[in-house]
PDB file of all heavy atoms in Angstrom:
ATOM      1  N   ALA A   1      38.805  -2.321 -31.076  1.00  0.00           N
ATOM      2  CA  ALA A   1      39.237  -2.137 -29.692  1.00  0.00           C
ATOM      3  C   ALA A   1      40.392  -3.153 -29.370  1.00  0.00           C
ATOM      4  O   ALA A   1      40.350  -4.251 -29.983  1.00  0.00           O
ATOM      5  CB  ALA A   1      38.105  -2.466 -28.786  1.00  0.00           C
ATOM      6  N   PRO A   2      41.415  -2.755 -28.681  1.00  0.00           N
ATOM      7  CA  PRO A   2      42.516  -3.715 -28.337  1.00  0.00           C
ATOM      8  C   PRO A   2      41.951  -4.901 -27.616  1.00  0.00           C
ATOM      9  O   PRO A   2      41.112  -4.758 -26.773  1.00  0.00           O
ATOM     10  CB  PRO A   2      43.445  -2.941 -27.451  1.00  0.00           C
ATOM     11  CG  PRO A   2      42.811  -1.643 -27.170  1.00  0.00           C
ATOM     12  CD  PRO A   2      41.585  -1.459 -28.006  1.00  0.00           C
ATOM     13  N   VAL A   3      42.422  -5.973 -28.002  1.00  0.00           N
ATOM     14  CA  VAL A   3      42.055  -7.282 -27.465  1.00  0.00           C
ATOM     15  C   VAL A   3      42.887  -7.479 -26.187  1.00  0.00           C
ATOM     16  O   VAL A   3      44.130  -7.451 -26.162  1.00  0.00           O
ATOM     17  CB  VAL A   3      42.306  -8.506 -28.402  1.00  0.00           C
ATOM     18  CG1 VAL A   3      42.028  -9.846 -27.689  1.00  0.00           C
ATOM     19  CG2 VAL A   3      41.574  -8.299 -29.710  1.00  0.00           C
ATOM     20  N   ALA A   4      42.260  -7.678 -25.011  1.00  0.00           N
ATOM     21  CA  ALA A   4      42.959  -7.809 -23.768  1.00  0.00           C
ATOM     22  C   ALA A   4      43.494  -9.181 -23.726  1.00  0.00           C
ATOM     23  O   ALA A   4      42.697 -10.198 -23.811  1.00  0.00           O
ATOM     24  CB  ALA A   4      41.992  -7.566 -22.663  1.00  0.00           C
ATOM     25  N   MET A   5      44.788  -9.404 -23.623  1.00  0.00           N
ATOM     26  CA  MET A   5      45.433 -10.664 -23.414  1.00  0.00           C
ATOM     27  C   MET A   5      45.446 -10.949 -21.935  1.00  0.00           C
ATOM     28  O   MET A   5      45.835 -10.181 -21.131  1.00  0.00           O
ATOM     29  CB  MET A   5      46.861 -10.607 -24.089  1.00  0.00           C
ATOM     30  CG  MET A   5      46.977 -10.285 -25.528  1.00  0.00           C
ATOM     31  SD  MET A   5      46.310 -11.574 -26.535  1.00  0.00           S
ATOM     32  CE  MET A   5      47.580 -12.739 -26.445  1.00  0.00           C
ATOM     33  N   PRO A   6      45.090 -12.213 -21.667  1.00  0.00           N
ATOM     34  CA  PRO A   6      45.130 -12.576 -20.234  1.00  0.00           C
ATOM     35  C   PRO A   6      46.529 -12.613 -19.770  1.00  0.00           C
ATOM     36  O   PRO A   6      47.459 -13.053 -20.493  1.00  0.00           O
ATOM     37  CB  PRO A   6      44.484 -13.919 -20.178  1.00  0.00           C
ATOM     38  CG  PRO A   6      44.540 -14.472 -21.620  1.00  0.00           C
ATOM     39  CD  PRO A   6      44.579 -13.330 -22.462  1.00  0.00           C
ATOM     40  N   ALA A   7      46.737 -12.098 -18.493  1.00  0.00           N
ATOM     41  CA  ALA A   7      48.155 -12.149 -18.020  1.00  0.00           C
ATOM     42  C   ALA A   7      48.447 -13.540 -17.466  1.00  0.00           C
ATOM     43  O   ALA A   7      47.619 -14.236 -16.942  1.00  0.00           O
ATOM     44  CB  ALA A   7      48.222 -11.185 -16.862  1.00  0.00           C
ATOM     45  N   PRO A   8      49.690 -13.957 -17.709  1.00  0.00           N
ATOM     46  CA  PRO A   8      50.088 -15.308 -17.214  1.00  0.00           C
ATOM     47  C   PRO A   8      50.038 -15.340 -15.660  1.00  0.00           C
ATOM     48  O   PRO A   8      50.425 -14.327 -15.013  1.00  0.00           O
ATOM     49  CB  PRO A   8      51.517 -15.474 -17.742  1.00  0.00           C
ATOM     50  CG  PRO A   8      52.040 -14.194 -18.110  1.00  0.00           C
ATOM     51  CD  PRO A   8      50.860 -13.315 -18.346  1.00  0.00           C
ATOM     52  N   VAL A   9      49.587 -16.400 -15.086  1.00  0.00           N
ATOM     53  CA  VAL A   9      49.408 -16.598 -13.749  1.00  0.00           C
ATOM     54  C   VAL A   9      49.998 -17.913 -13.316  1.00  0.00           C
ATOM     55  O   VAL A   9      49.776 -18.864 -14.074  1.00  0.00           O
ATOM     56  CB  VAL A   9      47.946 -16.471 -13.291  1.00  0.00           C
ATOM     57  CG1 VAL A   9      47.708 -16.615 -11.779  1.00  0.00           C
ATOM     58  CG2 VAL A   9      47.273 -15.155 -13.764  1.00  0.00           C
ATOM     59  N   ALA A  10      50.687 -17.880 -12.202  1.00  0.00           N
ATOM     60  CA  ALA A  10      51.168 -19.216 -11.664  1.00  0.00           C
ATOM     61  C   ALA A  10      50.869 -19.350 -10.239  1.00  0.00           C
ATOM     62  O   ALA A  10      50.771 -18.446  -9.474  1.00  0.00           O
ATOM     63  CB  ALA A  10      52.705 -19.158 -11.824  1.00  0.00           C
ATOM     64  N   MET A  11      50.525 -20.616  -9.937  1.00  0.00           N
ATOM     65  CA  MET A  11      50.300 -21.017  -8.528  1.00  0.00           C
ATOM     66  C   MET A  11      51.592 -21.682  -8.015  1.00  0.00           C
ATOM     67  O   MET A  11      52.154 -22.523  -8.697  1.00  0.00           O
ATOM     68  CB  MET A  11      49.108 -21.970  -8.472  1.00  0.00           C
ATOM     69  CG  MET A  11      47.788 -21.433  -8.942  1.00  0.00           C
ATOM     70  SD  MET A  11      47.099 -20.149  -7.814  1.00  0.00           S
ATOM     71  CE  MET A  11      46.849 -21.054  -6.407  1.00  0.00           C
ATOM     72  N   MET A  12      51.979 -21.201  -6.890  1.00  0.00           N
ATOM     73  CA  MET A  12      53.142 -21.799  -6.308  1.00  0.00           C
ATOM     74  C   MET A  12      52.812 -22.890  -5.298  1.00  0.00           C
ATOM     75  O   MET A  12      51.971 -22.636  -4.471  1.00  0.00           O
ATOM     76  CB  MET A  12      54.064 -20.734  -5.600  1.00  0.00           C
ATOM     77  CG  MET A  12      54.895 -19.940  -6.663  1.00  0.00           C
ATOM     78  SD  MET A  12      56.196 -19.075  -5.712  1.00  0.00           S
ATOM     79  CE  MET A  12      55.257 -17.674  -5.148  1.00  0.00           C
ATOM     80  N   SER A  13      53.529 -23.927  -5.351  1.00  0.00           N
ATOM     81  CA  SER A  13      53.359 -25.020  -4.345  1.00  0.00           C
ATOM     82  C   SER A  13      54.083 -24.652  -3.092  1.00  0.00           C
ATOM     83  O   SER A  13      54.976 -23.697  -3.067  1.00  0.00           O
ATOM     84  CB  SER A  13      53.989 -26.305  -4.975  1.00  0.00           C
ATOM     85  OG  SER A  13      55.374 -26.215  -4.974  1.00  0.00           O
ATOM     86  N   PRO A  14      53.765 -25.264  -1.996  1.00  0.00           N
ATOM     87  CA  PRO A  14      54.388 -24.934  -0.755  1.00  0.00           C
ATOM     88  C   PRO A  14      56.021 -25.136  -0.886  1.00  0.00           C
ATOM     89  O   PRO A  14      56.729 -24.427  -0.298  1.00  0.00           O
ATOM     90  CB  PRO A  14      53.737 -25.928   0.227  1.00  0.00           C
ATOM     91  CG  PRO A  14      52.503 -26.192  -0.321  1.00  0.00           C
ATOM     92  CD  PRO A  14      52.614 -26.173  -1.820  1.00  0.00           C
ATOM     93  N   GLN A  15      56.314 -26.159  -1.603  1.00  0.00           N
ATOM     94  CA  GLN A  15      57.826 -26.401  -1.830  1.00  0.00           C
ATOM     95  C   GLN A  15      58.454 -25.222  -2.571  1.00  0.00           C
ATOM     96  O   GLN A  15      59.592 -24.812  -2.208  1.00  0.00           O
ATOM     97  CB  GLN A  15      58.021 -27.713  -2.647  1.00  0.00           C
ATOM     98  CG  GLN A  15      57.630 -28.974  -1.922  1.00  0.00           C
ATOM     99  CD  GLN A  15      56.104 -29.215  -2.145  1.00  0.00           C
ATOM    100  OE1 GLN A  15      55.430 -28.585  -2.778  1.00  0.00           O
ATOM    101  NE2 GLN A  15      55.716 -30.399  -1.503  1.00  0.00           N
ATOM    102  N   GLU A  16      57.800 -24.742  -3.633  1.00  0.00           N
ATOM    103  CA  GLU A  16      58.375 -23.574  -4.285  1.00  0.00           C
ATOM    104  C   GLU A  16      58.379 -22.333  -3.471  1.00  0.00           C
ATOM    105  O   GLU A  16      59.389 -21.595  -3.446  1.00  0.00           O
ATOM    106  CB  GLU A  16      57.466 -23.156  -5.588  1.00  0.00           C
ATOM    107  CG  GLU A  16      57.661 -24.308  -6.695  1.00  0.00           C
ATOM    108  CD  GLU A  16      56.699 -24.091  -7.778  1.00  0.00           C
ATOM    109  OE1 GLU A  16      55.420 -23.865  -7.472  1.00  0.00           O
ATOM    110  OE2 GLU A  16      57.116 -24.153  -8.892  1.00  0.00           O
ATOM    111  N   ARG A  17      57.443 -22.160  -2.550  1.00  0.00           N
ATOM    112  CA  ARG A  17      57.393 -20.979  -1.618  1.00  0.00           C
ATOM    113  C   ARG A  17      58.588 -21.092  -0.710  1.00  0.00           C
ATOM    114  O   ARG A  17      59.329 -20.095  -0.406  1.00  0.00           O
ATOM    115  CB  ARG A  17      56.077 -20.903  -0.811  1.00  0.00           C
ATOM    116  CG  ARG A  17      54.915 -20.384  -1.663  1.00  0.00           C
ATOM    117  CD  ARG A  17      53.706 -20.169  -0.752  1.00  0.00           C
ATOM    118  NE  ARG A  17      52.487 -20.178  -1.405  1.00  0.00           N
ATOM    119  CZ  ARG A  17      52.008 -19.217  -2.107  1.00  0.00           C
ATOM    120  NH1 ARG A  17      52.748 -18.038  -2.229  1.00  0.00           N
ATOM    121  NH2 ARG A  17      50.835 -19.285  -2.732  1.00  0.00           N
ATOM    122  N   GLU A  18      58.819 -22.230  -0.136  1.00  0.00           N
ATOM    123  CA  GLU A  18      59.892 -22.605   0.714  1.00  0.00           C
ATOM    124  C   GLU A  18      61.333 -22.314   0.048  1.00  0.00           C
ATOM    125  O   GLU A  18      62.170 -21.752   0.520  1.00  0.00           O
ATOM    126  CB  GLU A  18      59.872 -24.008   1.292  1.00  0.00           C
ATOM    127  CG  GLU A  18      60.883 -24.294   2.426  1.00  0.00           C
ATOM    128  CD  GLU A  18      60.871 -23.465   3.589  1.00  0.00           C
ATOM    129  OE1 GLU A  18      59.732 -22.964   3.916  1.00  0.00           O
ATOM    130  OE2 GLU A  18      61.838 -23.289   4.244  1.00  0.00           O
ATOM    131  N   PHE A  19      61.325 -22.846  -1.191  1.00  0.00           N
ATOM    132  CA  PHE A  19      62.579 -22.656  -2.010  1.00  0.00           C
ATOM    133  C   PHE A  19      62.842 -21.074  -2.185  1.00  0.00           C
ATOM    134  O   PHE A  19      64.017 -20.674  -2.033  1.00  0.00           O
ATOM    135  CB  PHE A  19      62.498 -23.321  -3.325  1.00  0.00           C
ATOM    136  CG  PHE A  19      63.658 -23.324  -4.212  1.00  0.00           C
ATOM    137  CD1 PHE A  19      64.831 -24.029  -3.771  1.00  0.00           C
ATOM    138  CD2 PHE A  19      63.721 -22.521  -5.303  1.00  0.00           C
ATOM    139  CE1 PHE A  19      65.945 -23.960  -4.564  1.00  0.00           C
ATOM    140  CE2 PHE A  19      64.868 -22.504  -6.109  1.00  0.00           C
ATOM    141  CZ  PHE A  19      65.985 -23.206  -5.749  1.00  0.00           C
ATOM    142  N   ARG A  20      61.841 -20.374  -2.554  1.00  0.00           N
ATOM    143  CA  ARG A  20      62.015 -18.905  -2.794  1.00  0.00           C
ATOM    144  C   ARG A  20      62.408 -18.260  -1.460  1.00  0.00           C
ATOM    145  O   ARG A  20      63.261 -17.366  -1.497  1.00  0.00           O
ATOM    146  CB  ARG A  20      60.692 -18.361  -3.269  1.00  0.00           C
ATOM    147  CG  ARG A  20      60.396 -18.716  -4.733  1.00  0.00           C
ATOM    148  CD  ARG A  20      59.011 -18.194  -5.191  1.00  0.00           C
ATOM    149  NE  ARG A  20      58.847 -16.779  -5.084  1.00  0.00           N
ATOM    150  CZ  ARG A  20      59.068 -15.864  -6.027  1.00  0.00           C
ATOM    151  NH1 ARG A  20      59.488 -16.354  -7.160  1.00  0.00           N
ATOM    152  NH2 ARG A  20      58.970 -14.639  -5.876  1.00  0.00           N
ATOM    153  N   LYS A  21      61.832 -18.700  -0.371  1.00  0.00           N
ATOM    154  CA  LYS A  21      62.207 -18.130   0.949  1.00  0.00           C
ATOM    155  C   LYS A  21      63.701 -18.346   1.204  1.00  0.00           C
ATOM    156  O   LYS A  21      64.361 -17.497   1.687  1.00  0.00           O
ATOM    157  CB  LYS A  21      61.269 -18.735   2.037  1.00  0.00           C
ATOM    158  CG  LYS A  21      61.530 -18.199   3.434  1.00  0.00           C
ATOM    159  CD  LYS A  21      60.688 -18.950   4.432  1.00  0.00           C
ATOM    160  CE  LYS A  21      61.162 -18.583   5.810  1.00  0.00           C
ATOM    161  NZ  LYS A  21      60.526 -19.395   6.837  1.00  0.00           N
ATOM    162  N   LYS A  22      64.116 -19.581   0.948  1.00  0.00           N
ATOM    163  CA  LYS A  22      65.618 -19.965   1.156  1.00  0.00           C
ATOM    164  C   LYS A  22      66.439 -19.158   0.287  1.00  0.00           C
ATOM    165  O   LYS A  22      67.506 -18.551   0.694  1.00  0.00           O
ATOM    166  CB  LYS A  22      65.775 -21.467   0.958  1.00  0.00           C
ATOM    167  CG  LYS A  22      65.039 -22.336   1.975  1.00  0.00           C
ATOM    168  CD  LYS A  22      65.749 -22.322   3.326  1.00  0.00           C
ATOM    169  CE  LYS A  22      65.093 -23.270   4.219  1.00  0.00           C
ATOM    170  NZ  LYS A  22      65.452 -23.121   5.649  1.00  0.00           N
ATOM    171  N   LEU A  23      66.078 -18.946  -1.010  1.00  0.00           N
ATOM    172  CA  LEU A  23      66.804 -18.134  -1.927  1.00  0.00           C
ATOM    173  C   LEU A  23      66.997 -16.674  -1.391  1.00  0.00           C
ATOM    174  O   LEU A  23      68.077 -16.137  -1.488  1.00  0.00           O
ATOM    175  CB  LEU A  23      66.305 -18.216  -3.344  1.00  0.00           C
ATOM    176  CG  LEU A  23      66.603 -19.445  -4.113  1.00  0.00           C
ATOM    177  CD1 LEU A  23      65.911 -19.355  -5.508  1.00  0.00           C
ATOM    178  CD2 LEU A  23      68.138 -19.607  -4.390  1.00  0.00           C
ATOM    179  N   LYS A  24      65.841 -16.199  -0.882  1.00  0.00           N
ATOM    180  CA  LYS A  24      65.875 -14.765  -0.431  1.00  0.00           C
ATOM    181  C   LYS A  24      66.793 -14.674   0.770  1.00  0.00           C
ATOM    182  O   LYS A  24      67.505 -13.769   0.903  1.00  0.00           O
ATOM    183  CB  LYS A  24      64.430 -14.365  -0.088  1.00  0.00           C
ATOM    184  CG  LYS A  24      64.252 -12.944   0.232  1.00  0.00           C
ATOM    185  CD  LYS A  24      62.794 -12.570   0.497  1.00  0.00           C
ATOM    186  CE  LYS A  24      62.698 -11.150   0.866  1.00  0.00           C
ATOM    187  NZ  LYS A  24      61.305 -10.696   1.117  1.00  0.00           N
ATOM    188  N   GLU A  25      66.683 -15.662   1.724  1.00  0.00           N
ATOM    189  CA  GLU A  25      67.559 -15.672   2.892  1.00  0.00           C
ATOM    190  C   GLU A  25      69.061 -15.796   2.504  1.00  0.00           C
ATOM    191  O   GLU A  25      69.862 -15.142   3.069  1.00  0.00           O
ATOM    192  CB  GLU A  25      67.166 -16.827   3.852  1.00  0.00           C
ATOM    193  CG  GLU A  25      65.872 -16.656   4.490  1.00  0.00           C
ATOM    194  CD  GLU A  25      65.432 -17.939   5.250  1.00  0.00           C
ATOM    195  OE1 GLU A  25      66.147 -19.004   5.294  1.00  0.00           O
ATOM    196  OE2 GLU A  25      64.286 -17.856   5.820  1.00  0.00           O
ATOM    197  N   LEU A  26      69.330 -16.589   1.512  1.00  0.00           N
ATOM    198  CA  LEU A  26      70.741 -16.734   1.035  1.00  0.00           C
ATOM    199  C   LEU A  26      71.225 -15.425   0.508  1.00  0.00           C
ATOM    200  O   LEU A  26      72.318 -14.943   0.833  1.00  0.00           O
ATOM    201  CB  LEU A  26      70.736 -17.869  -0.063  1.00  0.00           C
ATOM    202  CG  LEU A  26      72.160 -17.989  -0.737  1.00  0.00           C
ATOM    203  CD1 LEU A  26      73.251 -18.386   0.306  1.00  0.00           C
ATOM    204  CD2 LEU A  26      72.035 -18.946  -1.899  1.00  0.00           C
ATOM    205  N   ARG A  27      70.440 -14.790  -0.321  1.00  0.00           N
ATOM    206  CA  ARG A  27      70.762 -13.478  -0.955  1.00  0.00           C
ATOM    207  C   ARG A  27      71.071 -12.463   0.139  1.00  0.00           C
ATOM    208  O   ARG A  27      72.057 -11.729   0.131  1.00  0.00           O
ATOM    209  CB  ARG A  27      69.845 -12.995  -1.968  1.00  0.00           C
ATOM    210  CG  ARG A  27      70.244 -11.650  -2.555  1.00  0.00           C
ATOM    211  CD  ARG A  27      69.166 -11.196  -3.575  1.00  0.00           C
ATOM    212  NE  ARG A  27      69.501  -9.891  -4.114  1.00  0.00           N
ATOM    213  CZ  ARG A  27      70.368  -9.646  -5.093  1.00  0.00           C
ATOM    214  NH1 ARG A  27      70.892 -10.733  -5.754  1.00  0.00           N
ATOM    215  NH2 ARG A  27      70.696  -8.534  -5.497  1.00  0.00           N
ATOM    216  N   GLU A  28      70.144 -12.412   1.108  1.00  0.00           N
ATOM    217  CA  GLU A  28      70.288 -11.428   2.261  1.00  0.00           C
ATOM    218  C   GLU A  28      71.621 -11.683   2.997  1.00  0.00           C
ATOM    219  O   GLU A  28      72.296 -10.811   3.370  1.00  0.00           O
ATOM    220  CB  GLU A  28      69.032 -11.418   3.127  1.00  0.00           C
ATOM    221  CG  GLU A  28      67.811 -10.836   2.477  1.00  0.00           C
ATOM    222  CD  GLU A  28      66.630 -10.925   3.314  1.00  0.00           C
ATOM    223  OE1 GLU A  28      66.580 -11.553   4.381  1.00  0.00           O
ATOM    224  OE2 GLU A  28      65.495 -10.482   2.754  1.00  0.00           O
ATOM    225  N   HIS A  29      71.803 -12.979   3.296  1.00  0.00           N
ATOM    226  CA  HIS A  29      73.008 -13.391   4.072  1.00  0.00           C
ATOM    227  C   HIS A  29      74.294 -12.955   3.321  1.00  0.00           C
ATOM    228  O   HIS A  29      75.201 -12.423   3.964  1.00  0.00           O
ATOM    229  CB  HIS A  29      73.029 -14.872   4.299  1.00  0.00           C
ATOM    230  CG  HIS A  29      74.358 -15.340   4.968  1.00  0.00           C
ATOM    231  ND1 HIS A  29      74.559 -15.216   6.328  1.00  0.00           N
ATOM    232  CD2 HIS A  29      75.460 -15.941   4.458  1.00  0.00           C
ATOM    233  CE1 HIS A  29      75.705 -15.684   6.528  1.00  0.00           C
ATOM    234  NE2 HIS A  29      76.269 -16.086   5.560  1.00  0.00           N
ATOM    235  N   LEU A  30      74.291 -13.252   2.011  1.00  0.00           N
ATOM    236  CA  LEU A  30      75.447 -12.888   1.217  1.00  0.00           C
ATOM    237  C   LEU A  30      75.720 -11.402   1.196  1.00  0.00           C
ATOM    238  O   LEU A  30      76.852 -10.865   1.339  1.00  0.00           O
ATOM    239  CB  LEU A  30      75.348 -13.397  -0.244  1.00  0.00           C
ATOM    240  CG  LEU A  30      75.398 -14.979  -0.275  1.00  0.00           C
ATOM    241  CD1 LEU A  30      75.106 -15.396  -1.708  1.00  0.00           C
ATOM    242  CD2 LEU A  30      76.839 -15.414   0.093  1.00  0.00           C
ATOM    243  N   THR A  31      74.607 -10.635   0.966  1.00  0.00           N
ATOM    244  CA  THR A  31      74.858  -9.150   0.814  1.00  0.00           C
ATOM    245  C   THR A  31      75.089  -8.512   2.208  1.00  0.00           C
ATOM    246  O   THR A  31      75.763  -7.501   2.208  1.00  0.00           O
ATOM    247  CB  THR A  31      73.644  -8.477   0.089  1.00  0.00           C
ATOM    248  OG1 THR A  31      72.431  -8.820   0.888  1.00  0.00           O
ATOM    249  CG2 THR A  31      73.465  -8.970  -1.266  1.00  0.00           C
ATOM    250  N   GLN A  32      74.625  -9.065   3.252  1.00  0.00           N
ATOM    251  CA  GLN A  32      74.902  -8.538   4.566  1.00  0.00           C
ATOM    252  C   GLN A  32      76.309  -8.898   5.170  1.00  0.00           C
ATOM    253  O   GLN A  32      76.844  -8.147   5.969  1.00  0.00           O
ATOM    254  CB  GLN A  32      73.883  -8.944   5.598  1.00  0.00           C
ATOM    255  CG  GLN A  32      72.491  -8.424   5.366  1.00  0.00           C
ATOM    256  CD  GLN A  32      71.424  -8.936   6.311  1.00  0.00           C
ATOM    257  OE1 GLN A  32      71.754  -9.761   7.119  1.00  0.00           O
ATOM    258  NE2 GLN A  32      70.267  -8.424   6.156  1.00  0.00           N
ATOM    259  N   ASN A  33      76.909  -9.935   4.599  1.00  0.00           N
ATOM    260  CA  ASN A  33      78.193 -10.411   5.081  1.00  0.00           C
ATOM    261  C   ASN A  33      79.344 -10.314   4.115  1.00  0.00           C
ATOM    262  O   ASN A  33      80.295 -11.001   4.185  1.00  0.00           O
ATOM    263  CB  ASN A  33      78.070 -11.850   5.593  1.00  0.00           C
ATOM    264  CG  ASN A  33      77.087 -11.946   6.777  1.00  0.00           C
ATOM    265  OD1 ASN A  33      77.381 -11.443   7.810  1.00  0.00           O
ATOM    266  ND2 ASN A  33      75.930 -12.540   6.561  1.00  0.00           N
ATOM    267  N   ALA A  34      79.101  -9.499   3.079  1.00  0.00           N
ATOM    268  CA  ALA A  34      80.182  -9.363   1.990  1.00  0.00           C
ATOM    269  C   ALA A  34      80.254  -7.851   1.654  1.00  0.00           C
ATOM    270  O   ALA A  34      79.362  -7.109   2.006  1.00  0.00           O
ATOM    271  CB  ALA A  34      79.795 -10.162   0.799  1.00  0.00           C
ATOM    272  N   ASP A  35      81.406  -7.519   1.113  1.00  0.00           N
ATOM    273  CA  ASP A  35      81.640  -6.122   0.719  1.00  0.00           C
ATOM    274  C   ASP A  35      81.164  -5.989  -0.779  1.00  0.00           C
ATOM    275  O   ASP A  35      81.491  -6.787  -1.576  1.00  0.00           O
ATOM    276  CB  ASP A  35      83.076  -5.793   0.808  1.00  0.00           C
ATOM    277  CG  ASP A  35      83.713  -5.906   2.130  1.00  0.00           C
ATOM    278  OD1 ASP A  35      82.963  -5.582   3.020  1.00  0.00           O
ATOM    279  OD2 ASP A  35      84.932  -6.279   2.210  1.00  0.00           O
TER     280      ASP A  35
END
């Protein structure tokens, strides 16, 4: 039977969540205000 490999899991710190939020906002700003 195939051996089930555990999927990698990461816990994000509040700082990482904030950083991701800022990156998402930056991308949205750039795509909304550029051609």
